[in-house]
Amino acid sequence: MDEKEEALVPESDIKDEPRPEEEEGEDSVDAKPDRSQRFSIFSSTKKKKVEDKPPKTNNNVRIVTPAFQYKMNNGNVGRCIIINNKIFDKITGMGARNGTDIDARELLRCFKGLGFDVNVYNNKSCEEMENLLRTVAQQDHKDSACFACIFLSHGEEGLIYGTDGAMPIKVLTTFFRGDNCRSLVGKPKLFFIQACRGHEFDDGLEADSGSVNDSLETDANPRHKIPVEADFLYAYSTVPGYYSWRNPGMGSWFVQALCSVLNEYGKELEVMQILTRVNFLVATQFESYSDDPQFSKKKQIPCVVSMLTKELYFKSC
């Protein structure tokens, strides 16, 4: 499939006003079956006390050893691929993911602001997702400092949905392993996954208020072997087994928090600091509500799996 034929979402076509079908309303989850008709849930919009928010401080200084920091002074930061699946074939049993266009729009702006070359691809089948990412992995990334891919879709544990069904996430990420994508060897490969990972609800609970080897200085030294699975980071919207929440008028809880932190601290903090703050915001600023106690006061916590071997800052070294 010719990548040039993909439907892109240009920044100029993205409006601030929510589309009619995306008016704020009931939250939904990115899993099967679609239970949106049973829920009367909305993300919490009440203002939190000042002490609930991460304290703003100028003490975000970390001592960084250059040998343990990814080099970001390449020709460009790198490519960012956003796969935004909203409409699904009837045979899948999946409902439309209203609100996902808001996520795609905000992520486009956010990652462009970090210096990425961003492309958005809408409503892709499993085969189309596979062909797209295989093509991207085969391209030359020697002038890129890293690579990012974002999936916005329905999901199950270990699976992501194309418009026609589910496929293993591993199939799509394997294209970027060190033995398959040589030009990204030793460079960070980031995958952000907004999708359910099961059918459980999180009820929440009430809580009271040294010497370095010189050879490590290069991102990819051909004289030293590195694991093919090294330098990957997976940021999931929720932990294994649980639903992931999305609001039709505001977007998903995870993406709202991710964009908020990246917009404020994306060029200041290290990526694990950023994602820890995202965890905090999702955990403390969002809660579901429903007349049915079974679906009321539910919580969510994102999950980060890191195989990064150095610290990652979205700024030049």
C-alpha atoms as a PDB file:
ATOM      1  CA  MET A   1       0.000   0.000   0.000  1.00  0.00           C
ATOM      2  CA  ASP A   2       1.454   3.321  -1.030  1.00  0.00           C
ATOM      3  CA  GLU A   3       1.851   5.457   2.060  1.00  0.00           C
ATOM      4  CA  LYS A   4       1.165   8.582  -0.003  1.00  0.00           C
ATOM      5  CA  GLU A   5      -2.353   7.389  -0.594  1.00  0.00           C
ATOM      6  CA  GLU A   6      -3.141   7.353   3.131  1.00  0.00           C
ATOM      7  CA  ALA A   7      -5.735   9.816   4.376  1.00  0.00           C
ATOM      8  CA  LEU A   8      -3.929  12.399   6.439  1.00  0.00           C
ATOM      9  CA  VAL A   9      -5.452  14.901   8.798  1.00  0.00           C
ATOM     10  CA  PRO A  10      -3.819  18.268   8.063  1.00  0.00           C
ATOM     11  CA  GLU A  11      -3.530  20.603  10.994  1.00  0.00           C
ATOM     12  CA  SER A  12      -5.543  23.254   9.163  1.00  0.00           C
ATOM     13  CA  ASP A  13      -8.527  20.906   8.948  1.00  0.00           C
ATOM     14  CA  ILE A  14      -8.676  20.341  12.675  1.00  0.00           C
ATOM     15  CA  LYS A  15     -11.085  22.633  14.459  1.00  0.00           C
ATOM     16  CA  ASP A  16     -11.410  23.489  18.111  1.00  0.00           C
ATOM     17  CA  GLU A  17     -15.172  23.052  18.169  1.00  0.00           C
ATOM     18  CA  PRO A  18     -16.365  19.493  18.886  1.00  0.00           C
ATOM     19  CA  ARG A  19     -18.346  17.886  16.106  1.00  0.00           C
ATOM     20  CA  PRO A  20     -22.075  17.376  16.659  1.00  0.00           C
ATOM     21  CA  GLU A  21     -21.608  13.688  17.388  1.00  0.00           C
ATOM     22  CA  GLU A  22     -18.866  14.551  19.869  1.00  0.00           C
ATOM     23  CA  GLU A  23     -20.819  16.739  22.251  1.00  0.00           C
ATOM     24  CA  GLU A  24     -19.841  16.045  25.831  1.00  0.00           C
ATOM     25  CA  GLY A  25     -21.980  13.275  27.242  1.00  0.00           C
ATOM     26  CA  GLU A  26     -21.737   9.725  28.445  1.00  0.00           C
ATOM     27  CA  ASP A  27     -18.296   8.207  28.754  1.00  0.00           C
ATOM     28  CA  SER A  28     -17.582   5.051  26.815  1.00  0.00           C
ATOM     29  CA  VAL A  29     -15.023   2.272  26.966  1.00  0.00           C
ATOM     30  CA  ASP A  30     -12.769   0.937  24.237  1.00  0.00           C
ATOM     31  CA  ALA A  31     -13.688  -2.729  24.481  1.00  0.00           C
ATOM     32  CA  LYS A  32     -16.223  -5.310  23.351  1.00  0.00           C
ATOM     33  CA  PRO A  33     -19.123  -5.382  23.914  1.00  0.00           C
ATOM     34  CA  ASP A  34     -20.076  -1.723  23.502  1.00  0.00           C
ATOM     35  CA  ARG A  35     -22.057  -0.888  26.675  1.00  0.00           C
ATOM     36  CA  SER A  36     -22.509   2.803  26.007  1.00  0.00           C
ATOM     37  CA  GLN A  37     -26.292   2.495  26.040  1.00  0.00           C
ATOM     38  CA  ARG A  38     -26.186   1.081  29.569  1.00  0.00           C
ATOM     39  CA  PHE A  39     -24.009   3.824  31.021  1.00  0.00           C
ATOM     40  CA  SER A  40     -24.944   7.226  32.312  1.00  0.00           C
ATOM     41  CA  ILE A  41     -21.428   8.282  33.056  1.00  0.00           C
ATOM     42  CA  PHE A  42     -19.350  11.385  32.629  1.00  0.00           C
ATOM     43  CA  SER A  43     -15.800  12.294  33.475  1.00  0.00           C
ATOM     44  CA  SER A  44     -15.465  14.440  36.537  1.00  0.00           C
ATOM     45  CA  THR A  45     -15.278  18.129  35.645  1.00  0.00           C
ATOM     46  CA  LYS A  46     -15.492  19.496  39.163  1.00  0.00           C
ATOM     47  CA  LYS A  47     -12.605  21.690  40.191  1.00  0.00           C
ATOM     48  CA  LYS A  48     -10.124  19.985  42.436  1.00  0.00           C
ATOM     49  CA  LYS A  49      -8.549  21.541  45.461  1.00  0.00           C
ATOM     50  CA  VAL A  50      -5.179  23.082  44.841  1.00  0.00           C
ATOM     51  CA  GLU A  51      -3.515  20.384  46.904  1.00  0.00           C
ATOM     52  CA  ASP A  52      -4.878  17.701  44.526  1.00  0.00           C
ATOM     53  CA  LYS A  53      -2.794  19.017  41.635  1.00  0.00           C
ATOM     54  CA  PRO A  54       0.921  18.342  41.136  1.00  0.00           C
ATOM     55  CA  PRO A  55       2.684  21.259  42.786  1.00  0.00           C
ATOM     56  CA  LYS A  56       4.179  23.695  40.273  1.00  0.00           C
ATOM     57  CA  THR A  57       7.822  24.109  41.085  1.00  0.00           C
ATOM     58  CA  ASN A  58      11.040  25.096  39.440  1.00  0.00           C
ATOM     59  CA  ASN A  59      12.876  22.261  41.151  1.00  0.00           C
ATOM     60  CA  ASN A  60      12.519  19.900  38.179  1.00  0.00           C
ATOM     61  CA  VAL A  61      16.279  19.583  37.836  1.00  0.00           C
ATOM     62  CA  ARG A  62      17.860  16.184  37.302  1.00  0.00           C
ATOM     63  CA  ILE A  63      21.561  15.444  37.083  1.00  0.00           C
ATOM     64  CA  VAL A  64      21.974  13.771  33.701  1.00  0.00           C
ATOM     65  CA  THR A  65      25.033  11.792  32.690  1.00  0.00           C
ATOM     66  CA  PRO A  66      25.450  12.266  28.918  1.00  0.00           C
ATOM     67  CA  ALA A  67      26.298   8.592  28.421  1.00  0.00           C
ATOM     68  CA  PHE A  68      22.881   7.682  29.784  1.00  0.00           C
ATOM     69  CA  GLN A  69      20.837  10.194  27.813  1.00  0.00           C
ATOM     70  CA  TYR A  70      19.473   9.559  24.326  1.00  0.00           C
ATOM     71  CA  LYS A  71      20.958  11.939  21.799  1.00  0.00           C
ATOM     72  CA  MET A  72      18.284  14.224  20.369  1.00  0.00           C
ATOM     73  CA  ASN A  73      20.513  16.363  18.137  1.00  0.00           C
ATOM     74  CA  ASN A  74      19.789  14.444  14.946  1.00  0.00           C
ATOM     75  CA  GLY A  75      18.335  16.183  11.904  1.00  0.00           C
ATOM     76  CA  ASN A  76      14.825  15.891  13.346  1.00  0.00           C
ATOM     77  CA  VAL A  77      13.068  14.408  16.344  1.00  0.00           C
ATOM     78  CA  GLY A  78      11.435  11.689  14.247  1.00  0.00           C
ATOM     79  CA  ARG A  79       8.173  10.429  12.837  1.00  0.00           C
ATOM     80  CA  CYS A  80       4.967  10.079  14.808  1.00  0.00           C
ATOM     81  CA  ILE A  81       2.220   7.871  13.401  1.00  0.00           C
ATOM     82  CA  ILE A  82      -1.308   8.222  14.824  1.00  0.00           C
ATOM     83  CA  ILE A  83      -3.785   5.479  13.895  1.00  0.00           C
ATOM     84  CA  ASN A  84      -7.246   6.764  14.770  1.00  0.00           C
ATOM     85  CA  ASN A  85      -9.950   4.101  14.464  1.00  0.00           C
ATOM     86  CA  LYS A  86     -13.455   5.428  15.056  1.00  0.00           C
ATOM     87  CA  ILE A  87     -15.883   3.443  12.868  1.00  0.00           C
ATOM     88  CA  PHE A  88     -15.885  -0.360  12.909  1.00  0.00           C
ATOM     89  CA  ASP A  89     -17.463  -3.020  10.707  1.00  0.00           C
ATOM     90  CA  LYS A  90     -20.728  -4.367  12.072  1.00  0.00           C
ATOM     91  CA  ILE A  91     -19.306  -7.870  12.268  1.00  0.00           C
ATOM     92  CA  THR A  92     -16.883  -6.763  14.990  1.00  0.00           C
ATOM     93  CA  GLY A  93     -19.704  -5.830  17.373  1.00  0.00           C
ATOM     94  CA  MET A  94     -17.868  -2.614  18.182  1.00  0.00           C
ATOM     95  CA  GLY A  95     -19.574   0.759  18.497  1.00  0.00           C
ATOM     96  CA  ALA A  96     -18.295   4.052  17.114  1.00  0.00           C
ATOM     97  CA  ARG A  97     -15.612   5.659  19.280  1.00  0.00           C
ATOM     98  CA  ASN A  98     -17.085   9.163  19.497  1.00  0.00           C
ATOM     99  CA  GLY A  99     -14.562  11.573  20.938  1.00  0.00           C
ATOM    100  CA  THR A 100     -11.529   9.908  19.360  1.00  0.00           C
ATOM    101  CA  ASP A 101     -11.201  12.692  16.754  1.00  0.00           C
ATOM    102  CA  ILE A 102     -10.622  15.099  19.637  1.00  0.00           C
ATOM    103  CA  ASP A 103      -7.816  12.828  20.877  1.00  0.00           C
ATOM    104  CA  ALA A 104      -6.256  12.668  17.400  1.00  0.00           C
ATOM    105  CA  ARG A 105      -6.444  16.437  16.983  1.00  0.00           C
ATOM    106  CA  GLU A 106      -4.839  17.213  20.330  1.00  0.00           C
ATOM    107  CA  LEU A 107      -2.132  14.573  19.880  1.00  0.00           C
ATOM    108  CA  LEU A 108      -1.308  15.972  16.435  1.00  0.00           C
ATOM    109  CA  ARG A 109      -0.773  19.428  17.871  1.00  0.00           C
ATOM    110  CA  CYS A 110       1.078  18.140  20.903  1.00  0.00           C
ATOM    111  CA  PHE A 111       3.615  15.971  19.069  1.00  0.00           C
ATOM    112  CA  LYS A 112       4.147  18.575  16.344  1.00  0.00           C
ATOM    113  CA  GLY A 113       4.985  20.956  19.174  1.00  0.00           C
ATOM    114  CA  LEU A 114       7.645  18.527  20.376  1.00  0.00           C
ATOM    115  CA  GLY A 115       9.210  18.555  16.912  1.00  0.00           C
ATOM    116  CA  PHE A 116       7.818  15.320  15.463  1.00  0.00           C
ATOM    117  CA  ASP A 117       6.743  14.884  11.849  1.00  0.00           C
ATOM    118  CA  VAL A 118       3.162  13.721  12.514  1.00  0.00           C
ATOM    119  CA  ASN A 119       0.724  11.873  10.259  1.00  0.00           C
ATOM    120  CA  VAL A 120      -2.798  10.796  11.229  1.00  0.00           C
ATOM    121  CA  TYR A 121      -4.403   7.768   9.564  1.00  0.00           C
ATOM    122  CA  ASN A 122      -8.126   7.211  10.058  1.00  0.00           C
ATOM    123  CA  ASN A 123     -10.172   4.000  10.192  1.00  0.00           C
ATOM    124  CA  LYS A 124      -7.625   1.386   9.164  1.00  0.00           C
ATOM    125  CA  SER A 125      -8.269  -2.334   8.886  1.00  0.00           C
ATOM    126  CA  CYS A 126      -5.869  -4.843  10.441  1.00  0.00           C
ATOM    127  CA  GLU A 127      -4.172  -5.430   7.104  1.00  0.00           C
ATOM    128  CA  GLU A 128      -3.891  -1.699   6.468  1.00  0.00           C
ATOM    129  CA  MET A 129      -2.355  -1.083   9.899  1.00  0.00           C
ATOM    130  CA  GLU A 130       0.128  -3.888   9.322  1.00  0.00           C
ATOM    131  CA  ASN A 131       1.089  -2.685   5.845  1.00  0.00           C
ATOM    132  CA  LEU A 132       1.396   0.913   7.018  1.00  0.00           C
ATOM    133  CA  LEU A 133       3.729   0.186   9.916  1.00  0.00           C
ATOM    134  CA  ARG A 134       5.777  -2.321   7.911  1.00  0.00           C
ATOM    135  CA  THR A 135       6.328   0.408   5.297  1.00  0.00           C
ATOM    136  CA  VAL A 136       7.289   2.983   7.928  1.00  0.00           C
ATOM    137  CA  ALA A 137       9.738   0.560   9.564  1.00  0.00           C
ATOM    138  CA  GLN A 138      11.410  -0.083   6.213  1.00  0.00           C
ATOM    139  CA  GLN A 139      12.083   3.607   5.699  1.00  0.00           C
ATOM    140  CA  ASP A 140      15.407   5.215   6.557  1.00  0.00           C
ATOM    141  CA  HIS A 141      15.304   6.781  10.034  1.00  0.00           C
ATOM    142  CA  LYS A 142      19.025   7.583  10.242  1.00  0.00           C
ATOM    143  CA  ASP A 143      18.302  11.322  10.574  1.00  0.00           C
ATOM    144  CA  SER A 144      15.666  10.747  13.269  1.00  0.00           C
ATOM    145  CA  ALA A 145      16.328  10.743  16.986  1.00  0.00           C
ATOM    146  CA  CYS A 146      13.375   8.511  17.833  1.00  0.00           C
ATOM    147  CA  PHE A 147      10.040   7.126  16.645  1.00  0.00           C
ATOM    148  CA  ALA A 148       6.531   7.345  18.111  1.00  0.00           C
ATOM    149  CA  CYS A 149       3.305   5.513  17.276  1.00  0.00           C
ATOM    150  CA  ILE A 150      -0.106   6.105  18.839  1.00  0.00           C
ATOM    151  CA  PHE A 151      -3.059   3.706  18.622  1.00  0.00           C
ATOM    152  CA  LEU A 152      -6.564   5.048  19.293  1.00  0.00           C
ATOM    153  CA  SER A 153      -8.970   2.140  19.073  1.00  0.00           C
ATOM    154  CA  HIS A 154     -10.914  -0.589  20.823  1.00  0.00           C
ATOM    155  CA  GLY A 155      -8.852  -3.316  22.418  1.00  0.00           C
ATOM    156  CA  GLU A 156      -8.475  -6.434  24.502  1.00  0.00           C
ATOM    157  CA  GLU A 157      -5.437  -7.575  26.470  1.00  0.00           C
ATOM    158  CA  GLY A 158      -2.612  -7.815  23.960  1.00  0.00           C
ATOM    159  CA  LEU A 159      -4.899  -6.913  21.047  1.00  0.00           C
ATOM    160  CA  ILE A 160      -5.744  -3.756  19.125  1.00  0.00           C
ATOM    161  CA  TYR A 161      -8.743  -3.415  16.817  1.00  0.00           C
ATOM    162  CA  GLY A 162      -8.633  -2.489  13.172  1.00  0.00           C
ATOM    163  CA  THR A 163     -11.944  -1.579  11.608  1.00  0.00           C
ATOM    164  CA  ASP A 164     -12.520  -5.227  10.678  1.00  0.00           C
ATOM    165  CA  GLY A 165     -11.322  -7.080  13.768  1.00  0.00           C
ATOM    166  CA  ALA A 166      -8.560  -7.460  16.350  1.00  0.00           C
ATOM    167  CA  MET A 167      -4.900  -8.301  15.931  1.00  0.00           C
ATOM    168  CA  PRO A 168      -1.934  -8.678  18.310  1.00  0.00           C
ATOM    169  CA  ILE A 169      -0.177  -5.436  19.165  1.00  0.00           C
ATOM    170  CA  LYS A 170       3.062  -7.416  19.083  1.00  0.00           C
ATOM    171  CA  VAL A 171       2.696  -7.991  15.339  1.00  0.00           C
ATOM    172  CA  LEU A 172       2.744  -4.243  14.752  1.00  0.00           C
ATOM    173  CA  THR A 173       5.559  -3.351  17.143  1.00  0.00           C
ATOM    174  CA  THR A 174       7.848  -6.169  15.978  1.00  0.00           C
ATOM    175  CA  PHE A 175       8.504  -4.297  12.721  1.00  0.00           C
ATOM    176  CA  PHE A 176      10.570  -1.811  14.752  1.00  0.00           C
ATOM    177  CA  ARG A 177      12.752  -4.297  16.618  1.00  0.00           C
ATOM    178  CA  GLY A 178      16.479  -3.896  16.229  1.00  0.00           C
ATOM    179  CA  ASP A 179      16.759  -6.858  13.877  1.00  0.00           C
ATOM    180  CA  ASN A 180      13.987  -5.508  11.611  1.00  0.00           C
ATOM    181  CA  CYS A 181      14.574  -1.746  11.594  1.00  0.00           C
ATOM    182  CA  ARG A 182      18.297  -1.100  11.608  1.00  0.00           C
ATOM    183  CA  SER A 183      18.039   2.666  11.281  1.00  0.00           C
ATOM    184  CA  LEU A 184      16.270   2.873  14.672  1.00  0.00           C
ATOM    185  CA  VAL A 185      18.727   0.637  16.534  1.00  0.00           C
ATOM    186  CA  GLY A 186      19.703   2.291  19.803  1.00  0.00           C
ATOM    187  CA  LYS A 187      16.989   4.933  19.428  1.00  0.00           C
ATOM    188  CA  PRO A 188      13.810   5.165  21.538  1.00  0.00           C
ATOM    189  CA  LYS A 189      10.664   3.667  20.017  1.00  0.00           C
ATOM    190  CA  LEU A 190       7.548   4.917  21.811  1.00  0.00           C
ATOM    191  CA  PHE A 191       4.093   3.350  21.588  1.00  0.00           C
ATOM    192  CA  PHE A 192       1.076   5.012  23.203  1.00  0.00           C
ATOM    193  CA  ILE A 193      -2.010   2.797  23.310  1.00  0.00           C
ATOM    194  CA  GLN A 194      -5.474   4.188  24.078  1.00  0.00           C
ATOM    195  CA  ALA A 195      -7.603   1.043  24.224  1.00  0.00           C
ATOM    196  CA  CYS A 196      -9.218  -1.284  26.728  1.00  0.00           C
ATOM    197  CA  ARG A 197      -7.254  -4.277  27.974  1.00  0.00           C
ATOM    198  CA  GLY A 198     -10.143  -6.287  29.399  1.00  0.00           C
ATOM    199  CA  HIS A 199     -13.594  -5.990  30.958  1.00  0.00           C
ATOM    200  CA  GLU A 200     -12.892  -5.247  34.615  1.00  0.00           C
ATOM    201  CA  PHE A 201     -13.774  -2.001  36.377  1.00  0.00           C
ATOM    202  CA  ASP A 202     -11.483  -0.309  38.873  1.00  0.00           C
ATOM    203  CA  ASP A 203     -13.643   0.553  41.911  1.00  0.00           C
ATOM    204  CA  GLY A 204     -10.893   2.564  43.560  1.00  0.00           C
ATOM    205  CA  LEU A 205     -10.709   2.943  47.314  1.00  0.00           C
ATOM    206  CA  GLU A 206     -10.880   5.717  49.833  1.00  0.00           C
ATOM    207  CA  ALA A 207      -7.481   6.889  51.021  1.00  0.00           C
ATOM    208  CA  ASP A 208      -6.396   9.283  53.757  1.00  0.00           C
ATOM    209  CA  SER A 209      -5.893  12.505  52.938  1.00  0.00           C
ATOM    210  CA  GLY A 210      29.505   5.853  38.732  1.00  0.00           C
ATOM    211  CA  SER A 211      32.021   5.142  36.252  1.00  0.00           C
ATOM    212  CA  VAL A 212      30.685   4.700  32.747  1.00  0.00           C
ATOM    213  CA  ASN A 213      32.022   2.662  29.821  1.00  0.00           C
ATOM    214  CA  ASP A 214      32.902   5.062  26.987  1.00  0.00           C
ATOM    215  CA  SER A 215      31.283   2.727  24.475  1.00  0.00           C
ATOM    216  CA  LEU A 216      27.873   3.587  25.944  1.00  0.00           C
ATOM    217  CA  GLU A 217      28.086   7.161  24.686  1.00  0.00           C
ATOM    218  CA  THR A 218      26.864   6.244  21.214  1.00  0.00           C
ATOM    219  CA  ASP A 219      23.234   5.368  20.539  1.00  0.00           C
ATOM    220  CA  ALA A 220      24.161   2.344  18.438  1.00  0.00           C
ATOM    221  CA  ASN A 221      27.713   1.044  18.557  1.00  0.00           C
ATOM    222  CA  PRO A 222      28.085  -1.797  16.042  1.00  0.00           C
ATOM    223  CA  ARG A 223      30.864  -3.365  18.104  1.00  0.00           C
ATOM    224  CA  HIS A 224      28.474  -4.222  20.907  1.00  0.00           C
ATOM    225  CA  LYS A 225      25.396  -6.391  20.847  1.00  0.00           C
ATOM    226  CA  ILE A 226      22.145  -4.993  22.210  1.00  0.00           C
ATOM    227  CA  PRO A 227      18.860  -6.848  22.742  1.00  0.00           C
ATOM    228  CA  VAL A 228      16.456  -6.629  19.803  1.00  0.00           C
ATOM    229  CA  GLU A 229      13.686  -5.636  22.234  1.00  0.00           C
ATOM    230  CA  ALA A 230      15.729  -2.815  23.771  1.00  0.00           C
ATOM    231  CA  ASP A 231      14.770   0.860  23.629  1.00  0.00           C
ATOM    232  CA  PHE A 232      10.994   0.332  23.472  1.00  0.00           C
ATOM    233  CA  LEU A 233       8.478   2.092  25.684  1.00  0.00           C
ATOM    234  CA  TYR A 234       4.791   1.178  25.860  1.00  0.00           C
ATOM    235  CA  ALA A 235       2.422   3.634  27.533  1.00  0.00           C
ATOM    236  CA  TYR A 236      -0.980   1.979  27.948  1.00  0.00           C
ATOM    237  CA  SER A 237      -4.068   3.927  28.944  1.00  0.00           C
ATOM    238  CA  THR A 238      -4.949   1.287  31.538  1.00  0.00           C
ATOM    239  CA  VAL A 239      -3.549  -1.764  33.293  1.00  0.00           C
ATOM    240  CA  PRO A 240      -4.060  -5.348  32.024  1.00  0.00           C
ATOM    241  CA  GLY A 241      -7.616  -6.617  32.380  1.00  0.00           C
ATOM    242  CA  TYR A 242      -9.373  -3.253  32.737  1.00  0.00           C
ATOM    243  CA  TYR A 243     -11.594  -0.911  30.767  1.00  0.00           C
ATOM    244  CA  SER A 244     -10.275   2.405  29.449  1.00  0.00           C
ATOM    245  CA  TRP A 245     -12.593   5.414  29.571  1.00  0.00           C
ATOM    246  CA  ARG A 246     -13.340   7.942  26.818  1.00  0.00           C
ATOM    247  CA  ASN A 247     -15.651  10.963  26.864  1.00  0.00           C
ATOM    248  CA  PRO A 248     -17.420  11.869  23.555  1.00  0.00           C
ATOM    249  CA  GLY A 249     -17.071  15.592  24.134  1.00  0.00           C
ATOM    250  CA  MET A 250     -13.624  15.766  25.727  1.00  0.00           C
ATOM    251  CA  GLY A 251     -11.705  12.722  24.526  1.00  0.00           C
ATOM    252  CA  SER A 252     -10.205   9.868  26.490  1.00  0.00           C
ATOM    253  CA  TRP A 253      -9.033  10.361  30.050  1.00  0.00           C
ATOM    254  CA  PHE A 254      -5.512   9.130  29.205  1.00  0.00           C
ATOM    255  CA  VAL A 255      -5.019  11.348  26.150  1.00  0.00           C
ATOM    256  CA  GLN A 256      -6.402  14.408  27.956  1.00  0.00           C
ATOM    257  CA  ALA A 257      -3.839  13.918  30.718  1.00  0.00           C
ATOM    258  CA  LEU A 258      -0.982  13.025  28.345  1.00  0.00           C
ATOM    259  CA  CYS A 259      -1.463  16.130  26.208  1.00  0.00           C
ATOM    260  CA  SER A 260      -1.842  18.344  29.265  1.00  0.00           C
ATOM    261  CA  VAL A 261       1.483  17.212  30.730  1.00  0.00           C
ATOM    262  CA  LEU A 262       3.338  17.205  27.401  1.00  0.00           C
ATOM    263  CA  ASN A 263       2.136  20.700  26.561  1.00  0.00           C
ATOM    264  CA  GLU A 264       3.419  22.034  29.868  1.00  0.00           C
ATOM    265  CA  TYR A 265       6.481  19.903  30.583  1.00  0.00           C
ATOM    266  CA  GLY A 266       7.253  18.057  27.333  1.00  0.00           C
ATOM    267  CA  LYS A 267      10.542  19.863  26.706  1.00  0.00           C
ATOM    268  CA  GLU A 268      11.528  20.054  30.343  1.00  0.00           C
ATOM    269  CA  LEU A 269      11.023  16.679  32.037  1.00  0.00           C
ATOM    270  CA  GLU A 270      12.336  13.210  31.295  1.00  0.00           C
ATOM    271  CA  VAL A 271       9.787  10.880  29.688  1.00  0.00           C
ATOM    272  CA  MET A 272       9.273   8.725  32.796  1.00  0.00           C
ATOM    273  CA  GLN A 273       8.683  11.860  34.869  1.00  0.00           C
ATOM    274  CA  ILE A 274       6.136  12.946  32.273  1.00  0.00           C
ATOM    275  CA  LEU A 275       4.300   9.634  32.313  1.00  0.00           C
ATOM    276  CA  THR A 276       4.321   9.504  36.113  1.00  0.00           C
ATOM    277  CA  ARG A 277       2.507  12.852  36.146  1.00  0.00           C
ATOM    278  CA  VAL A 278       0.074  11.485  33.559  1.00  0.00           C
ATOM    279  CA  ASN A 279      -0.616   8.569  35.916  1.00  0.00           C
ATOM    280  CA  PHE A 280      -1.257  11.028  38.722  1.00  0.00           C
ATOM    281  CA  LEU A 281      -3.718  13.105  36.708  1.00  0.00           C
ATOM    282  CA  VAL A 282      -5.701  10.126  35.432  1.00  0.00           C
ATOM    283  CA  ALA A 283      -5.800   8.574  38.900  1.00  0.00           C
ATOM    284  CA  THR A 284      -6.906  11.719  40.724  1.00  0.00           C
ATOM    285  CA  GLN A 285      -8.802  13.923  38.271  1.00  0.00           C
ATOM    286  CA  PHE A 286     -11.232  11.455  36.702  1.00  0.00           C
ATOM    287  CA  GLU A 287     -14.065   9.345  38.107  1.00  0.00           C
ATOM    288  CA  SER A 288     -17.187   7.898  36.536  1.00  0.00           C
ATOM    289  CA  TYR A 289     -20.734   8.478  37.734  1.00  0.00           C
ATOM    290  CA  SER A 290     -23.873   6.465  37.062  1.00  0.00           C
ATOM    291  CA  ASP A 291     -27.339   5.937  38.517  1.00  0.00           C
ATOM    292  CA  ASP A 292     -26.440   2.250  38.426  1.00  0.00           C
ATOM    293  CA  PRO A 293     -24.047   1.597  41.354  1.00  0.00           C
ATOM    294  CA  GLN A 294     -22.326  -1.076  39.267  1.00  0.00           C
ATOM    295  CA  PHE A 295     -20.940   1.605  36.953  1.00  0.00           C
ATOM    296  CA  SER A 296     -20.561   4.482  39.406  1.00  0.00           C
ATOM    297  CA  LYS A 297     -17.369   5.942  40.859  1.00  0.00           C
ATOM    298  CA  LYS A 298     -15.000   3.929  38.679  1.00  0.00           C
ATOM    299  CA  LYS A 299     -11.343   4.844  38.357  1.00  0.00           C
ATOM    300  CA  GLN A 300      -8.488   4.245  35.926  1.00  0.00           C
ATOM    301  CA  ILE A 301      -4.704   4.099  36.097  1.00  0.00           C
ATOM    302  CA  PRO A 302      -2.392   4.040  33.064  1.00  0.00           C
ATOM    303  CA  CYS A 303       0.455   1.548  32.793  1.00  0.00           C
ATOM    304  CA  VAL A 304       3.977   2.144  31.511  1.00  0.00           C
ATOM    305  CA  VAL A 305       6.250  -0.668  30.345  1.00  0.00           C
ATOM    306  CA  SER A 306       9.764   0.552  29.616  1.00  0.00           C
ATOM    307  CA  MET A 307      12.700  -1.139  27.955  1.00  0.00           C
ATOM    308  CA  LEU A 308      14.454   2.189  27.469  1.00  0.00           C
ATOM    309  CA  THR A 309      18.171   2.043  28.217  1.00  0.00           C
ATOM    310  CA  LYS A 310      18.741   5.771  28.686  1.00  0.00           C
ATOM    311  CA  GLU A 311      16.893   8.853  29.816  1.00  0.00           C
ATOM    312  CA  LEU A 312      14.769  10.542  27.167  1.00  0.00           C
ATOM    313  CA  TYR A 313      14.256  14.297  26.910  1.00  0.00           C
ATOM    314  CA  PHE A 314      12.420  15.831  23.933  1.00  0.00           C
ATOM    315  CA  LYS A 315      15.102  18.476  23.465  1.00  0.00           C
ATOM    316  CA  SER A 316      18.588  18.648  22.037  1.00  0.00           C
ATOM    317  CA  CYS A 317      21.406  17.402  24.217  1.00  0.00           C
END
